[in-house]
Amino acid sequence: MSITRRRALLGAALSITLLAAGCGGSDEPGAATATAGASEADVKAALEAGGELTVWAWDSTIEPVAAEFMKKYPGVKVKVVNAGTNKDEYLALQNAVQAGSGVPDVVQLEYYALPQFVLSKTAADLTAFGAGSLESAFTPGTWNAVRSGGKGVYGLPIDSGPMALFYNKEVFDKHGIAIPKTWEEYAAAAEKLHQADPKAYITADAGEAGFTTSLIWQAGGKPYTVNGTDVTVNLADAGSQRFTGVWQGMLDKKLLSPVVSWTDEWFKGLSDGTIASLVIGAWMPSNLESGAAAAKGKWRVAPMPQWESGGKAAAENGGSSLAITEAGTKKALAYGFLKYIAVDEGAQSRVDKGAFPATTKELNAAAFKGKEFPYFGGQKVNEVLAESAAQVVPGWNYLPFQVYANSIYGDTVGKAYLGQGNLTDGLKAWQDASVKYGQEQGFTVK
């Protein structure tokens, strides 16, 4: 994953009036699909017959693996287009769908954005091609993310972001800080570090929607329940309260660096030790290696802190799928490409090129777990990250308009990071604004 792509967690203010309106006349989101009658035999025949596919993806591993795919299937031509990362691509996709032209055959969609495009029937249901039989190939968290209503399969996972604690061992050792096993210990370490060195912070957090929802997720929260167009938003549930209980204390004591993620200043802090840790997705190692090269050998990885002593819970932070568009006319061929990229030879090839896998085969491979990372002092980092992937708390849902909800995070919860109110009030404002927006778009929201 590129650095440019990575703090896409602000989302995009995409209008989804079209999306909600597109649900009429169907009991299940995306139920009306042109894949009816398709089969695995159709996929094989399509690969043999060949044809052209247009793929929208920002992930840097897709294009070289597409080239390998074309060598195996010389009759197929795959054109990989970077239509922008995250919000830019989503807006371009929505515009193409509304215009009725220029829609790609395959599109990369992050897990939090996928429900929005399922509901609009932009993403096709893949169950007719046998996608449902692939459940055991993927980690539970990523598989759940591409399902809808517990029935359809609307994409295949291509990567994942199980969270872990990335920490600067040199800074921790210098100040006698033990690896925090709970969030209470993490907050205590934050205070100890900042008191010892006022220029140093345990982490940086200027307010990010994806980070907030990931910590609520790990805390067992289920603030979003979704049943088609019936939606409930409850950002005062037990998981949300656990998050605010710890995080507000650190904000009150000014223990969090206000530096914005993915800026030059942020990478400088990660390099010089003034930002001493990150609780972030498993895709982070390559970004540290490239963005904070001066800190080579100083960083390590440990399980993310727990909300309960002795707990073993994790959450996803980031990750994406490849989906087939309903407007595409070559769905069988497109599915052959998806399966190659996500499950077959392409899955290992992408891991070799730096992607963090969503597939259990690659995650559990001895070579993957045994890989030593010089940047992390020779640590076998993937052992920790693979364990995190297996501990992701099940049952999480995103809103079918999460892209929009994330875009207004800064105007609601974000105010608490500026000293304007607290996180509890901010979450309530975020909830109210999300409910209002969903109702305006035709959802039944409470």
Protein backbone atom coordinates (compact mmCIF):
# COMPACT_ATOMS: atom_id res chain seq x y z
CA MET A 1 0.00 0.00 0.00
CA SER A 2 1.34 3.39 -0.87
CA ILE A 3 1.76 6.17 1.67
CA THR A 4 -0.44 8.34 -0.52
CA ARG A 5 -3.28 5.88 -0.17
CA ARG A 6 -2.93 5.43 3.48
CA ARG A 7 -4.78 7.91 5.47
CA ALA A 8 -7.80 7.70 3.51
CA LEU A 9 -9.72 7.45 6.72
CA LEU A 10 -11.27 10.87 6.31
CA GLY A 11 -13.48 9.36 3.64
CA ALA A 12 -15.36 11.24 0.99
CA ALA A 13 -18.55 13.23 1.02
CA LEU A 14 -20.19 11.24 -1.73
CA SER A 15 -23.87 11.82 -2.26
CA ILE A 16 -25.77 8.56 -2.11
CA THR A 17 -29.28 9.63 -2.97
CA LEU A 18 -28.84 7.39 -6.00
CA LEU A 19 -27.70 4.57 -3.78
CA ALA A 20 -30.67 4.55 -1.48
CA ALA A 21 -33.08 5.02 -4.35
CA GLY A 22 -31.46 2.12 -6.16
CA CYS A 23 -32.66 -0.31 -3.49
CA GLY A 24 -36.29 -0.21 -4.44
CA GLY A 25 -37.87 -3.43 -5.58
CA SER A 26 -35.35 -5.80 -4.00
CA ASP A 27 -35.43 -7.57 -0.66
CA GLU A 28 -31.66 -7.91 -0.46
CA PRO A 29 -29.06 -5.28 -1.31
CA GLY A 30 -27.67 -6.05 -4.74
CA ALA A 31 -29.99 -9.02 -5.21
CA ALA A 32 -30.79 -8.16 -8.81
CA THR A 33 -27.64 -9.16 -10.62
CA ALA A 34 -26.63 -10.08 -14.12
CA THR A 35 -24.64 -13.06 -12.84
CA ALA A 36 -27.73 -15.28 -12.80
CA GLY A 37 -26.98 -18.47 -14.67
CA ALA A 38 -23.20 -18.03 -14.48
CA SER A 39 -21.00 -20.85 -13.25
CA GLU A 40 -17.41 -21.87 -12.66
CA ALA A 41 -17.50 -23.49 -16.11
CA ASP A 42 -18.41 -20.10 -17.56
CA VAL A 43 -15.37 -18.60 -15.87
CA LYS A 44 -13.06 -21.23 -17.33
CA ALA A 45 -14.54 -20.75 -20.78
CA ALA A 46 -14.20 -16.98 -20.53
CA LEU A 47 -10.53 -17.25 -19.59
CA GLU A 48 -9.89 -19.52 -22.56
CA ALA A 49 -11.80 -17.24 -24.94
CA GLY A 50 -10.02 -14.12 -23.71
CA GLY A 51 -11.06 -10.48 -23.88
CA GLU A 52 -10.28 -7.12 -22.33
CA LEU A 53 -10.77 -5.98 -18.75
CA THR A 54 -10.43 -2.55 -17.20
CA VAL A 55 -9.42 -2.58 -13.55
CA TRP A 56 -9.45 0.46 -11.28
CA ALA A 57 -6.96 -0.01 -8.45
CA TRP A 58 -4.41 2.06 -6.58
CA ASP A 59 -2.64 -0.87 -4.93
CA SER A 60 0.85 -1.02 -6.40
CA THR A 61 0.92 -4.84 -6.50
CA ILE A 62 -2.08 -5.19 -8.79
CA GLU A 63 -0.42 -4.14 -12.05
CA PRO A 64 2.60 -6.47 -11.88
CA VAL A 65 0.40 -9.40 -10.85
CA ALA A 66 -1.99 -8.54 -13.69
CA ALA A 67 0.99 -8.91 -16.01
CA GLU A 68 1.61 -12.41 -14.62
CA PHE A 69 -2.08 -13.20 -15.13
CA MET A 70 -1.85 -12.16 -18.79
CA LYS A 71 1.14 -14.47 -19.30
CA LYS A 72 -0.93 -17.38 -18.02
CA TYR A 73 -3.94 -16.34 -20.10
CA PRO A 74 -2.46 -14.71 -23.20
CA GLY A 75 -5.88 -14.11 -24.71
CA VAL A 76 -6.78 -11.71 -21.89
CA LYS A 77 -5.73 -8.08 -21.80
CA VAL A 78 -5.97 -6.31 -18.45
CA LYS A 79 -5.71 -2.54 -18.30
CA VAL A 80 -4.97 -1.36 -14.74
CA VAL A 81 -5.94 2.27 -14.13
CA ASN A 82 -5.23 4.30 -11.01
CA ALA A 83 -8.41 6.36 -10.90
CA GLY A 84 -7.32 7.94 -7.62
CA THR A 85 -7.05 6.62 -4.10
CA ASN A 86 -10.00 6.13 -1.82
CA LYS A 87 -12.39 9.08 -2.05
CA ASP A 88 -11.18 10.16 -5.49
CA GLU A 89 -11.81 6.75 -6.98
CA TYR A 90 -15.17 6.39 -5.25
CA LEU A 91 -16.35 9.73 -6.59
CA ALA A 92 -15.14 8.83 -10.09
CA LEU A 93 -16.95 5.50 -9.86
CA GLN A 94 -20.18 7.11 -8.74
CA ASN A 95 -19.97 9.64 -11.55
CA ALA A 96 -19.35 6.91 -14.14
CA VAL A 97 -22.31 4.90 -12.87
CA GLN A 98 -24.59 7.93 -13.00
CA ALA A 99 -23.36 8.82 -16.50
CA GLY A 100 -23.83 5.26 -17.69
CA SER A 101 -20.38 5.11 -19.30
CA GLY A 102 -16.78 4.57 -18.35
CA VAL A 103 -17.55 2.10 -15.55
CA PRO A 104 -14.63 -0.33 -15.04
CA ASP A 105 -15.09 -4.10 -15.03
CA VAL A 106 -13.26 -4.47 -11.70
CA VAL A 107 -12.74 -1.91 -8.96
CA GLN A 108 -10.78 -1.81 -5.70
CA LEU A 109 -13.04 -0.94 -2.76
CA GLU A 110 -12.02 -0.67 0.87
CA TYR A 111 -14.09 -2.70 3.29
CA TYR A 112 -15.73 0.31 4.87
CA ALA A 113 -16.81 1.62 1.45
CA LEU A 114 -18.05 -1.65 -0.04
CA PRO A 115 -21.53 -1.61 1.62
CA GLN A 116 -22.34 1.70 -0.02
CA PHE A 117 -21.67 0.31 -3.49
CA VAL A 118 -23.48 -2.93 -2.71
CA LEU A 119 -26.61 -1.05 -1.76
CA SER A 120 -26.52 0.96 -4.98
CA LYS A 121 -26.13 -2.28 -6.97
CA THR A 122 -22.82 -1.00 -8.31
CA ALA A 123 -21.03 -4.10 -6.98
CA ALA A 124 -22.28 -7.43 -8.36
CA ASP A 125 -23.07 -10.49 -6.26
CA LEU A 126 -20.45 -13.16 -6.97
CA THR A 127 -22.15 -16.19 -5.43
CA ALA A 128 -23.23 -17.58 -8.81
CA PHE A 129 -19.57 -18.05 -9.70
CA GLY A 130 -18.98 -20.14 -6.57
CA ALA A 131 -17.54 -17.34 -4.44
CA GLY A 132 -19.44 -18.62 -1.42
CA SER A 133 -17.23 -21.72 -1.36
CA LEU A 134 -14.14 -19.57 -0.72
CA GLU A 135 -15.01 -18.68 2.88
CA SER A 136 -12.35 -20.93 4.39
CA ALA A 137 -9.68 -19.32 2.20
CA PHE A 138 -9.95 -15.98 4.01
CA THR A 139 -9.65 -14.70 7.55
CA PRO A 140 -13.03 -14.26 9.27
CA GLY A 141 -12.72 -10.50 9.50
CA THR A 142 -12.07 -9.96 5.81
CA TRP A 143 -14.67 -12.48 4.72
CA ASN A 144 -17.33 -10.81 6.84
CA ALA A 145 -16.39 -7.50 5.21
CA VAL A 146 -17.34 -8.67 1.71
CA ARG A 147 -20.64 -10.22 2.73
CA SER A 148 -23.95 -8.37 2.78
CA GLY A 149 -26.98 -9.41 4.78
CA GLY A 150 -25.22 -12.68 5.50
CA LYS A 151 -26.02 -13.89 1.98
CA GLY A 152 -24.28 -12.32 -0.99
CA VAL A 153 -20.56 -12.06 -1.66
CA TYR A 154 -19.75 -8.72 -3.26
CA GLY A 155 -15.99 -8.81 -3.60
CA LEU A 156 -12.94 -10.90 -2.81
CA PRO A 157 -10.55 -9.68 -0.09
CA ILE A 158 -7.10 -8.76 -1.38
CA ASP A 159 -5.48 -7.55 1.82
CA SER A 160 -6.16 -6.92 5.48
CA GLY A 161 -5.16 -4.68 8.34
CA PRO A 162 -5.28 -6.56 11.66
CA MET A 163 -3.94 -4.13 14.24
CA ALA A 164 -0.84 -4.38 16.38
CA LEU A 165 1.33 -2.15 18.55
CA PHE A 166 4.33 -0.79 16.65
CA TYR A 167 6.74 0.76 19.17
CA ASN A 168 10.18 2.35 19.30
CA LYS A 169 12.11 -0.05 21.54
CA GLU A 170 14.97 2.39 21.99
CA VAL A 171 12.63 5.06 23.39
CA PHE A 172 10.76 2.58 25.57
CA ASP A 173 14.00 1.16 27.00
CA LYS A 174 15.48 4.61 27.62
CA HIS A 175 12.53 5.58 29.81
CA GLY A 176 11.94 2.20 31.42
CA ILE A 177 8.59 1.66 29.73
CA ALA A 178 7.34 -1.92 29.56
CA ILE A 179 5.30 -3.02 26.58
CA PRO A 180 1.74 -2.08 27.61
CA LYS A 181 -0.62 -5.05 27.63
CA THR A 182 -3.77 -3.06 28.40
CA TRP A 183 -5.04 0.35 27.36
CA GLU A 184 -4.77 1.52 30.96
CA GLU A 185 -1.08 0.59 30.90
CA TYR A 186 -0.77 2.37 27.56
CA ALA A 187 -2.23 5.57 29.05
CA ALA A 188 0.12 5.29 32.05
CA ALA A 189 3.07 4.83 29.70
CA ALA A 190 1.96 7.89 27.75
CA GLU A 191 2.05 9.99 30.90
CA LYS A 192 5.39 8.58 32.06
CA LEU A 193 7.03 9.25 28.70
CA HIS A 194 5.71 12.78 28.27
CA GLN A 195 6.70 13.75 31.81
CA ALA A 196 10.22 12.43 31.24
CA ASP A 197 10.53 14.17 27.86
CA PRO A 198 7.95 16.88 27.08
CA LYS A 199 8.88 16.65 23.40
CA ALA A 200 8.01 12.95 23.22
CA TYR A 201 4.56 11.40 22.94
CA ILE A 202 3.38 7.81 23.13
CA THR A 203 1.58 8.32 19.81
CA ALA A 204 0.08 10.90 17.49
CA ASP A 205 -3.65 11.26 17.05
CA ALA A 206 -5.23 14.32 15.52
CA GLY A 207 -8.57 12.52 15.18
CA GLU A 208 -9.24 9.81 12.57
CA ALA A 209 -12.55 8.12 11.92
CA GLY A 210 -11.07 4.75 11.02
CA PHE A 211 -8.88 4.62 14.12
CA THR A 212 -11.81 5.49 16.37
CA THR A 213 -14.10 2.84 14.89
CA SER A 214 -11.30 0.25 15.02
CA LEU A 215 -10.76 0.79 18.75
CA ILE A 216 -14.52 0.64 19.37
CA TRP A 217 -14.56 -2.57 17.32
CA GLN A 218 -11.76 -4.11 19.41
CA ALA A 219 -13.61 -3.08 22.59
CA GLY A 220 -16.55 -5.23 21.51
CA GLY A 221 -18.68 -2.31 20.36
CA LYS A 222 -21.29 -2.71 17.67
CA PRO A 223 -22.42 0.86 17.04
CA TYR A 224 -23.82 0.07 13.60
CA THR A 225 -26.49 -2.52 12.86
CA VAL A 226 -27.62 -2.87 9.28
CA ASN A 227 -30.46 -4.82 7.73
CA GLY A 228 -30.86 -3.67 4.16
CA THR A 229 -32.02 -0.06 4.39
CA ASP A 230 -32.88 -0.36 8.10
CA VAL A 231 -29.99 1.07 10.09
CA THR A 232 -29.27 1.74 13.75
CA VAL A 233 -26.49 4.04 14.92
CA ASN A 234 -25.48 3.87 18.59
CA LEU A 235 -22.15 5.52 19.35
CA ALA A 236 -22.87 5.40 23.07
CA ASP A 237 -22.67 1.60 23.33
CA ALA A 238 -20.33 -0.16 25.75
CA GLY A 239 -17.46 -0.36 23.29
CA SER A 240 -17.68 3.33 22.48
CA GLN A 241 -17.68 4.18 26.19
CA ARG A 242 -14.58 2.07 26.74
CA PHE A 243 -12.80 4.03 24.03
CA THR A 244 -13.80 7.45 25.33
CA GLY A 245 -12.97 6.46 28.91
CA VAL A 246 -9.29 5.91 28.11
CA TRP A 247 -8.75 8.24 25.18
CA GLN A 248 -10.40 11.28 26.77
CA GLY A 249 -8.04 11.01 29.71
CA MET A 250 -5.03 11.20 27.40
CA LEU A 251 -6.53 14.15 25.53
CA ASP A 252 -7.23 15.98 28.79
CA LYS A 253 -3.61 15.55 29.87
CA LYS A 254 -2.32 16.48 26.39
CA LEU A 255 -0.49 13.18 26.09
CA LEU A 256 -1.17 12.71 22.36
CA SER A 257 0.86 14.46 19.71
CA PRO A 258 -1.43 16.63 17.53
CA VAL A 259 0.68 15.91 14.44
CA VAL A 260 -1.45 14.78 11.50
CA SER A 261 -0.76 11.29 10.19
CA TRP A 262 1.01 10.76 6.87
CA THR A 263 2.62 14.18 6.86
CA ASP A 264 6.35 14.90 6.72
CA GLU A 265 6.19 16.01 10.35
CA TRP A 266 4.62 12.69 11.33
CA PHE A 267 7.34 10.66 9.66
CA LYS A 268 9.96 12.91 11.26
CA GLY A 269 8.47 12.10 14.67
CA LEU A 270 8.53 8.39 13.90
CA SER A 271 12.15 8.73 12.84
CA ASP A 272 13.49 10.76 15.76
CA GLY A 273 11.51 9.06 18.55
CA THR A 274 9.21 11.94 19.47
CA ILE A 275 6.33 9.71 18.34
CA ALA A 276 7.11 6.48 20.16
CA SER A 277 4.39 4.08 19.03
CA LEU A 278 1.48 3.45 16.70
CA VAL A 279 -1.46 1.09 17.06
CA ILE A 280 -2.16 0.51 13.42
CA GLY A 281 -2.83 -2.04 10.68
CA ALA A 282 -0.52 -4.83 9.53
CA TRP A 283 0.28 -3.00 6.32
CA MET A 284 2.49 -0.53 8.27
CA PRO A 285 5.97 -2.16 8.09
CA SER A 286 6.79 -1.08 4.54
CA ASN A 287 5.63 2.46 5.30
CA LEU A 288 7.94 2.70 8.30
CA GLU A 289 10.80 1.28 6.29
CA SER A 290 10.39 3.90 3.57
CA GLY A 291 9.09 6.88 5.57
CA ALA A 292 11.16 6.53 8.76
CA ALA A 293 14.29 4.90 7.40
CA ALA A 294 16.51 6.63 9.97
CA ALA A 295 14.90 4.57 12.74
CA LYS A 296 15.91 1.22 11.25
CA GLY A 297 16.56 -1.32 13.99
CA LYS A 298 14.75 0.66 16.67
CA TRP A 299 11.15 -0.43 16.07
CA ARG A 300 9.40 -3.61 17.18
CA VAL A 301 5.88 -5.04 17.00
CA ALA A 302 3.72 -6.43 19.83
CA PRO A 303 0.04 -7.36 20.22
CA MET A 304 -2.25 -4.36 20.52
CA PRO A 305 -3.18 -3.35 24.08
CA GLN A 306 -6.33 -4.95 25.46
CA TRP A 307 -9.43 -3.50 27.09
CA GLU A 308 -9.41 -6.34 29.61
CA SER A 309 -6.38 -7.86 31.33
CA GLY A 310 -5.54 -11.16 29.68
CA GLY A 311 -7.76 -10.44 26.69
CA LYS A 312 -6.95 -11.48 23.14
CA ALA A 313 -8.99 -9.22 20.89
CA ALA A 314 -8.03 -7.35 17.75
CA ALA A 315 -9.70 -5.27 15.06
CA GLU A 316 -9.08 -4.45 11.44
CA ASN A 317 -7.74 -1.08 10.37
CA GLY A 318 -7.84 -0.69 6.61
CA GLY A 319 -7.85 -3.37 3.96
CA SER A 320 -9.65 -3.68 0.67
CA SER A 321 -11.38 -5.94 -1.82
CA LEU A 322 -11.73 -6.24 -5.55
CA ALA A 323 -15.32 -6.08 -6.75
CA ILE A 324 -16.97 -6.64 -10.11
CA THR A 325 -19.25 -3.88 -11.29
CA GLU A 326 -22.84 -4.66 -12.14
CA ALA A 327 -22.48 -2.53 -15.27
CA GLY A 328 -19.64 -4.67 -16.57
CA THR A 329 -20.41 -7.01 -19.45
CA LYS A 330 -17.56 -9.50 -18.87
CA LYS A 331 -18.33 -10.72 -15.37
CA ALA A 332 -17.17 -14.32 -15.86
CA LEU A 333 -13.81 -13.13 -17.20
CA ALA A 334 -13.57 -10.55 -14.43
CA TYR A 335 -14.23 -13.19 -11.79
CA GLY A 336 -11.42 -15.32 -13.21
CA PHE A 337 -9.12 -12.34 -12.70
CA LEU A 338 -10.40 -11.75 -9.16
CA LYS A 339 -9.86 -15.35 -8.15
CA TYR A 340 -6.34 -15.35 -9.58
CA ILE A 341 -5.44 -12.16 -7.70
CA ALA A 342 -7.13 -12.97 -4.40
CA VAL A 343 -6.88 -16.75 -3.99
CA ASP A 344 -4.76 -18.45 -6.62
CA GLU A 345 -1.16 -17.76 -7.71
CA GLY A 346 -1.61 -14.01 -7.50
CA ALA A 347 -2.23 -14.11 -3.75
CA GLN A 348 1.27 -15.35 -2.98
CA SER A 349 2.77 -13.11 -5.64
CA ARG A 350 1.22 -10.04 -4.03
CA VAL A 351 2.54 -11.10 -0.62
CA ASP A 352 6.00 -11.44 -2.17
CA LYS A 353 5.60 -7.86 -3.40
CA GLY A 354 4.70 -6.51 0.04
CA ALA A 355 0.94 -6.94 0.48
CA PHE A 356 -0.36 -8.23 3.81
CA PRO A 357 -2.55 -11.26 3.03
CA ALA A 358 -6.22 -11.81 3.72
CA THR A 359 -5.85 -15.52 2.93
CA THR A 360 -5.27 -18.08 5.68
CA LYS A 361 -2.92 -20.15 3.51
CA GLU A 362 -0.48 -17.29 3.06
CA LEU A 363 -0.89 -16.06 6.64
CA ASN A 364 -0.05 -19.47 8.09
CA ALA A 365 2.82 -20.29 5.74
CA ALA A 366 6.05 -21.02 7.58
CA ALA A 367 8.04 -18.80 5.22
CA PHE A 368 5.68 -15.89 5.87
CA LYS A 369 5.70 -16.22 9.65
CA GLY A 370 9.42 -16.93 9.74
CA LYS A 371 10.46 -13.89 7.71
CA GLU A 372 12.91 -11.71 9.62
CA PHE A 373 12.65 -7.94 9.22
CA PRO A 374 15.98 -6.09 9.45
CA TYR A 375 14.13 -2.81 10.04
CA PHE A 376 12.60 -4.34 13.17
CA GLY A 377 15.89 -5.67 14.52
CA GLY A 378 15.44 -9.06 12.87
CA GLN A 379 12.07 -9.67 14.57
CA LYS A 380 9.66 -12.13 12.94
CA VAL A 381 6.99 -9.48 12.74
CA ASN A 382 4.50 -11.58 10.81
CA GLU A 383 4.13 -13.98 13.73
CA VAL A 384 2.54 -11.16 15.72
CA LEU A 385 0.47 -9.86 12.82
CA ALA A 386 -0.87 -13.28 11.82
CA GLU A 387 -1.95 -13.90 15.41
CA SER A 388 -3.76 -10.56 15.39
CA ALA A 389 -5.60 -11.53 12.22
CA ALA A 390 -6.94 -14.63 13.98
CA GLN A 391 -8.15 -12.56 16.94
CA VAL A 392 -10.28 -9.98 15.11
CA VAL A 393 -13.56 -9.57 16.99
CA PRO A 394 -16.42 -10.96 14.82
CA GLY A 395 -19.70 -9.31 13.95
CA TRP A 396 -18.59 -5.81 12.97
CA ASN A 397 -20.70 -3.79 10.50
CA TYR A 398 -20.04 -0.55 8.67
CA LEU A 399 -22.80 1.83 7.68
CA PRO A 400 -24.05 1.62 4.09
CA PHE A 401 -23.03 5.28 3.95
CA GLN A 402 -19.79 5.01 5.93
CA VAL A 403 -17.87 6.95 3.30
CA TYR A 404 -20.03 9.98 4.03
CA ALA A 405 -20.03 9.38 7.78
CA ASN A 406 -16.23 9.34 7.87
CA SER A 407 -16.12 12.60 5.93
CA ILE A 408 -17.95 14.47 8.72
CA TYR A 409 -15.89 13.00 11.56
CA GLY A 410 -13.68 16.06 11.75
CA ASP A 411 -16.67 18.36 12.20
CA THR A 412 -18.06 16.27 15.05
CA VAL A 413 -15.70 14.03 17.01
CA GLY A 414 -12.71 15.91 15.66
CA LYS A 415 -13.62 18.97 17.70
CA ALA A 416 -12.68 17.13 20.89
CA TYR A 417 -9.11 16.93 19.63
CA LEU A 418 -9.11 20.73 19.39
CA GLY A 419 -10.33 21.11 22.97
CA GLN A 420 -13.86 21.95 21.84
CA GLY A 421 -15.96 19.60 23.96
CA ASN A 422 -15.21 15.97 24.72
CA LEU A 423 -15.23 12.68 22.86
CA THR A 424 -18.58 11.59 24.29
CA ASP A 425 -20.25 14.75 23.00
CA GLY A 426 -18.39 14.40 19.72
CA LEU A 427 -19.59 10.83 19.20
CA LYS A 428 -23.15 11.95 19.94
CA ALA A 429 -22.83 14.73 17.35
CA TRP A 430 -21.40 12.22 14.86
CA GLN A 431 -24.27 9.87 15.55
CA ASP A 432 -26.90 12.58 15.14
CA ALA A 433 -25.39 13.84 11.89
CA SER A 434 -25.11 10.30 10.51
CA VAL A 435 -28.73 9.51 11.40
CA LYS A 436 -29.93 12.75 9.81
CA TYR A 437 -27.99 12.13 6.63
CA GLY A 438 -29.15 8.53 6.33
CA GLN A 439 -32.79 9.57 6.74
CA GLU A 440 -32.37 12.24 4.08
CA GLN A 441 -31.07 9.59 1.68
CA GLY A 442 -34.09 7.34 2.17
CA PHE A 443 -32.82 4.95 4.84
CA THR A 444 -34.79 4.06 7.93
CA VAL A 445 -32.33 5.14 10.59
CA LYS A 446 -32.62 5.31 14.36
